[in-house]
């Protein structure tokens, strides 16, 4: 019989430690190797004169590109995408640029991206649509003929609007369709006292249009008609 002192008991903790060390060694060795290729989403930043032009179709925030590198670089790109600086794509003449030039984009990526070789852009076409940015001044006028007053009451003063004009900004095609004058309705009914409220301007709902304000203040005095004996 073999003495019990010579029998080594199985130690799970030590076995797991050895397995973890072997796995870590294999992983580090694999990450150090080059030649890995995969498709990744890379952030893109479009550079153009946004004071003169506005995109009428949303520009992509990223493009899918096929890249090659070692395991460390690809791992960092996958696990820490927020640390990746977007690549700049310059648009010199937005009105004539209808599509993103894939060859130019690939070259920009290859020049700006470090430690990763950009092979090609996976996306076939990426369309762009721009228009001139235009600002228009619109005059505000109260709809005085449709103010709903209580019986025997009337407007007894000038109707004040604050502001009297607003600025509407957006693509030229849309802004030119905005009227020069906007009639603002008083929403309250059966008014029997002096009026001083802000009302919303709901006429500009298009997502590409921006206004200097979305509310207007309206105030006026109201008087009661006295019956004669």
Protein backbone atom coordinates (compact mmCIF):
# COMPACT_ATOMS: atom_id res chain seq x y z
CA UNK A 1 0.00 0.00 0.00
CA UNK A 2 1.24 3.48 -0.91
CA UNK A 3 1.58 5.66 2.15
CA UNK A 4 -1.16 8.31 2.34
CA UNK A 5 1.47 10.98 2.79
CA UNK A 6 2.68 10.40 -0.81
CA UNK A 7 -0.79 10.81 -2.35
CA UNK A 8 -1.33 14.32 -3.61
CA UNK A 9 -4.89 15.51 -3.25
CA UNK A 10 -6.56 17.25 -6.21
CA UNK A 11 -6.57 21.03 -5.79
CA UNK A 12 -9.26 22.72 -7.96
CA UNK A 13 -8.05 26.25 -7.23
CA UNK A 14 -4.56 25.50 -8.49
CA UNK A 15 -5.94 23.79 -11.58
CA UNK A 16 -8.14 26.77 -12.39
CA UNK A 17 -5.22 29.11 -11.87
CA UNK A 18 -3.10 27.15 -14.31
CA UNK A 19 -5.93 27.10 -16.84
CA UNK A 20 -6.42 30.86 -16.51
CA UNK A 21 -2.70 31.48 -16.95
CA UNK A 22 -2.60 29.32 -20.05
CA UNK A 23 -5.65 31.08 -21.50
CA UNK A 24 -4.16 34.50 -20.79
CA UNK A 25 -0.90 33.51 -22.45
CA UNK A 26 -2.79 32.27 -25.51
CA UNK A 27 -4.85 35.47 -25.66
CA UNK A 28 -1.84 37.78 -25.37
CA UNK A 29 -0.02 35.79 -28.03
CA UNK A 30 -3.04 35.99 -30.35
CA UNK A 31 -3.47 39.75 -29.84
CA UNK A 32 0.17 40.36 -30.75
CA UNK A 33 -0.28 38.74 -34.14
CA UNK A 34 -0.90 40.88 -37.23
CA UNK A 35 -3.09 40.30 -40.26
CA UNK A 36 -6.49 40.41 -38.61
CA UNK A 37 -9.21 41.78 -40.90
CA UNK A 38 -12.74 42.80 -40.03
CA UNK A 39 -15.48 45.31 -40.79
CA UNK A 40 -15.83 48.14 -38.25
CA UNK A 41 -18.06 51.20 -37.94
CA UNK A 42 -15.89 54.30 -37.92
CA UNK A 43 -17.23 57.73 -36.86
CA UNK A 44 -17.21 60.43 -39.51
CA UNK A 45 -17.38 64.23 -39.21
CA UNK A 46 -18.43 66.29 -42.22
CA UNK A 47 -16.60 69.57 -42.61
CA UNK A 48 -18.41 72.29 -44.57
CA UNK A 49 -19.49 75.90 -44.16
CA UNK A 50 -22.59 75.36 -42.03
CA UNK A 51 -23.31 79.09 -41.92
CA UNK A 52 -24.06 79.01 -45.66
CA UNK A 53 -25.34 75.49 -46.25
CA UNK A 54 -27.63 73.01 -44.51
CA UNK A 55 -28.12 69.28 -45.18
CA UNK A 56 -31.71 68.46 -46.09
CA UNK A 57 -31.10 64.76 -45.49
CA UNK A 58 -29.44 63.48 -42.29
CA UNK A 59 -25.72 62.86 -42.74
CA UNK A 60 -24.40 59.51 -41.48
CA UNK A 61 -22.62 59.49 -38.15
CA UNK A 62 -20.39 56.55 -39.13
CA UNK A 63 -19.30 54.47 -42.10
CA UNK A 64 -18.51 50.77 -42.27
CA UNK A 65 -14.95 50.10 -43.42
CA UNK A 66 -12.85 47.00 -43.83
CA UNK A 67 -9.61 47.29 -41.86
CA UNK A 68 -6.53 45.22 -41.08
CA UNK A 69 -4.34 45.42 -38.00
CA UNK A 70 -3.04 43.51 -35.02
CA UNK A 71 -5.39 42.18 -32.38
CA UNK A 72 -4.71 44.96 -29.90
CA UNK A 73 -5.79 47.76 -32.25
CA UNK A 74 -8.97 45.98 -33.31
CA UNK A 75 -9.77 45.08 -29.72
CA UNK A 76 -9.41 48.71 -28.64
CA UNK A 77 -11.65 49.82 -31.50
CA UNK A 78 -14.32 47.31 -30.48
CA UNK A 79 -14.24 47.86 -26.72
CA UNK A 80 -13.57 51.62 -26.59
CA UNK A 81 -15.30 53.19 -29.62
CA UNK A 82 -15.96 56.41 -27.68
CA UNK A 83 -12.21 57.09 -27.62
CA UNK A 84 -11.96 57.08 -31.41
CA UNK A 85 -11.63 60.50 -33.02
CA UNK A 86 -14.00 60.89 -35.99
CA UNK A 87 -12.40 61.17 -39.40
CA UNK A 88 -12.92 64.52 -41.16
CA UNK A 89 -14.53 64.45 -44.59
CA UNK A 90 -14.29 67.85 -46.28
CA UNK A 91 -17.12 69.01 -48.54
CA UNK A 92 -15.85 71.96 -50.57
CA UNK A 93 -19.03 72.65 -52.57
CA UNK A 94 -22.07 71.14 -50.85
CA UNK A 95 -24.53 72.15 -53.59
CA UNK A 96 -22.76 70.04 -56.21
CA UNK A 97 -21.71 67.18 -53.93
CA UNK A 98 -24.44 64.55 -54.22
CA UNK A 99 -22.52 61.50 -53.01
CA UNK A 100 -19.65 60.75 -50.72
CA UNK A 101 -16.57 59.86 -52.74
CA UNK A 102 -15.59 56.46 -51.39
CA UNK A 103 -12.03 56.62 -52.69
CA UNK A 104 -11.49 60.02 -51.08
CA UNK A 105 -13.03 58.82 -47.85
CA UNK A 106 -10.81 55.73 -47.80
CA UNK A 107 -7.73 57.92 -48.33
CA UNK A 108 -8.80 60.29 -45.55
CA UNK A 109 -9.32 57.36 -43.22
CA UNK A 110 -5.94 55.87 -44.12
CA UNK A 111 -4.22 59.21 -43.50
CA UNK A 112 -5.93 60.02 -40.22
CA UNK A 113 -6.32 56.60 -38.63
CA UNK A 114 -3.27 55.30 -36.81
CA UNK A 115 -2.29 51.65 -36.24
CA UNK A 116 -5.06 50.43 -38.55
CA UNK A 117 -4.84 49.88 -42.30
CA UNK A 118 -8.00 50.83 -44.13
CA UNK A 119 -8.64 48.44 -47.01
CA UNK A 120 -11.88 49.81 -48.42
CA UNK A 121 -15.22 51.37 -47.51
CA UNK A 122 -17.91 48.69 -47.31
CA UNK A 123 -20.88 50.97 -48.09
CA UNK A 124 -21.61 51.22 -51.81
CA UNK A 125 -23.06 54.74 -51.94
CA UNK A 126 -23.79 57.43 -49.39
CA UNK A 127 -25.97 60.22 -50.74
CA UNK A 128 -25.85 63.85 -49.61
CA UNK A 129 -28.37 66.60 -50.26
CA UNK A 130 -27.61 70.22 -49.30
CA UNK A 131 -29.41 73.51 -49.74
CA UNK A 132 -28.44 77.10 -49.05
CA UNK A 133 -29.15 78.25 -45.51
CA UNK A 134 -31.56 81.18 -45.55
CA UNK A 135 -32.97 83.44 -42.84
CA UNK A 136 -36.21 85.35 -43.30
CA UNK A 137 -37.94 87.97 -41.15
CA UNK A 138 -41.66 87.31 -40.69
CA UNK A 139 -44.04 89.97 -39.40
CA UNK A 140 -46.57 88.90 -36.75
CA UNK A 141 -50.11 90.27 -36.82
CA UNK A 142 -52.93 89.50 -34.40
CA UNK A 143 -56.13 88.05 -35.81
CA UNK A 144 -58.26 90.87 -34.45
CA UNK A 145 -61.42 89.93 -36.37
CA UNK A 146 -61.77 86.52 -34.71
CA UNK A 147 -61.18 87.35 -31.02
CA UNK A 148 -63.83 85.50 -29.04
CA UNK A 149 -65.28 87.97 -26.53
CA UNK A 150 -68.01 87.51 -23.97
CA UNK A 151 -71.34 89.18 -24.81
CA UNK A 152 -71.33 92.97 -24.40
CA UNK A 153 -67.50 93.14 -24.32
CA UNK A 154 -65.14 94.68 -26.86
CA UNK A 155 -61.40 95.28 -27.38
CA UNK A 156 -60.73 98.79 -26.10
CA UNK A 157 -57.02 99.24 -26.84
CA UNK A 158 -54.29 98.51 -29.32
CA UNK A 159 -53.40 94.81 -29.60
CA UNK A 160 -49.74 94.43 -28.61
CA UNK A 161 -47.54 91.57 -29.80
CA UNK A 162 -44.13 90.76 -28.35
CA UNK A 163 -42.12 90.24 -30.46
CA UNK A 164 -43.61 91.79 -33.58
CA UNK A 165 -41.27 89.89 -35.89
CA UNK A 166 -39.52 86.53 -35.79
CA UNK A 167 -36.60 85.04 -37.68
CA UNK A 168 -37.17 81.80 -39.59
CA UNK A 169 -34.07 79.88 -40.65
CA UNK A 170 -33.64 76.74 -42.71
CA UNK A 171 -33.13 75.42 -46.24
CA UNK A 172 -33.78 78.04 -48.93
CA UNK A 173 -36.44 75.89 -50.60
CA UNK A 174 -38.52 75.80 -47.41
CA UNK A 175 -37.89 79.33 -46.15
CA UNK A 176 -38.96 80.92 -49.42
CA UNK A 177 -42.32 79.23 -48.97
CA UNK A 178 -42.88 80.91 -45.58
CA UNK A 179 -45.31 83.89 -45.84
CA UNK A 180 -44.06 87.40 -45.15
CA UNK A 181 -46.81 87.91 -42.56
CA UNK A 182 -48.09 85.42 -40.00
CA UNK A 183 -51.55 85.89 -38.48
CA UNK A 184 -51.62 84.89 -34.80
CA UNK A 185 -54.93 83.76 -33.34
CA UNK A 186 -56.05 84.43 -29.76
CA UNK A 187 -57.06 80.98 -28.44
CA UNK A 188 -59.09 81.95 -25.36
CA UNK A 189 -62.86 82.08 -25.68
CA UNK A 190 -65.44 84.39 -24.08
CA UNK A 191 -62.89 86.95 -22.97
CA UNK A 192 -64.35 89.38 -20.41
CA UNK A 193 -61.20 90.95 -18.92
CA UNK A 194 -57.91 92.46 -20.02
CA UNK A 195 -55.88 89.87 -21.92
CA UNK A 196 -52.15 89.26 -21.46
CA UNK A 197 -50.87 85.80 -22.38
CA UNK A 198 -48.28 83.96 -24.41
CA UNK A 199 -49.50 81.75 -27.23
CA UNK A 200 -47.49 79.10 -29.08
CA UNK A 201 -46.47 79.47 -32.71
CA UNK A 202 -47.37 76.09 -34.16
CA UNK A 203 -47.07 77.01 -37.80
CA UNK A 204 -43.42 75.92 -38.14
CA UNK A 205 -43.44 72.18 -37.49
CA UNK A 206 -40.93 71.14 -40.15
CA UNK A 207 -37.83 69.65 -38.46
CA UNK A 208 -35.47 71.65 -40.70
CA UNK A 209 -36.99 75.03 -39.83
CA UNK A 210 -35.80 76.99 -36.81
CA UNK A 211 -37.43 80.11 -35.38
CA UNK A 212 -36.02 82.79 -33.10
CA UNK A 213 -38.90 82.06 -30.70
CA UNK A 214 -41.74 79.56 -30.53
CA UNK A 215 -44.11 81.79 -28.51
CA UNK A 216 -45.52 85.28 -28.83
CA UNK A 217 -47.02 87.53 -26.15
CA UNK A 218 -50.40 89.10 -26.87
CA UNK A 219 -51.99 91.77 -24.71
CA UNK A 220 -54.93 94.11 -25.04
CA UNK A 221 -57.56 95.78 -22.90
CA UNK A 222 -61.21 94.79 -22.84
CA UNK A 223 -64.16 97.03 -21.94
CA UNK A 224 -67.82 96.36 -21.38
CA UNK A 225 -70.48 98.06 -23.44
CA UNK A 226 -72.89 99.90 -21.19
CA UNK A 227 -76.54 99.85 -22.12
CA UNK A 228 -78.23 103.20 -22.48
CA UNK A 229 -81.43 103.82 -20.49
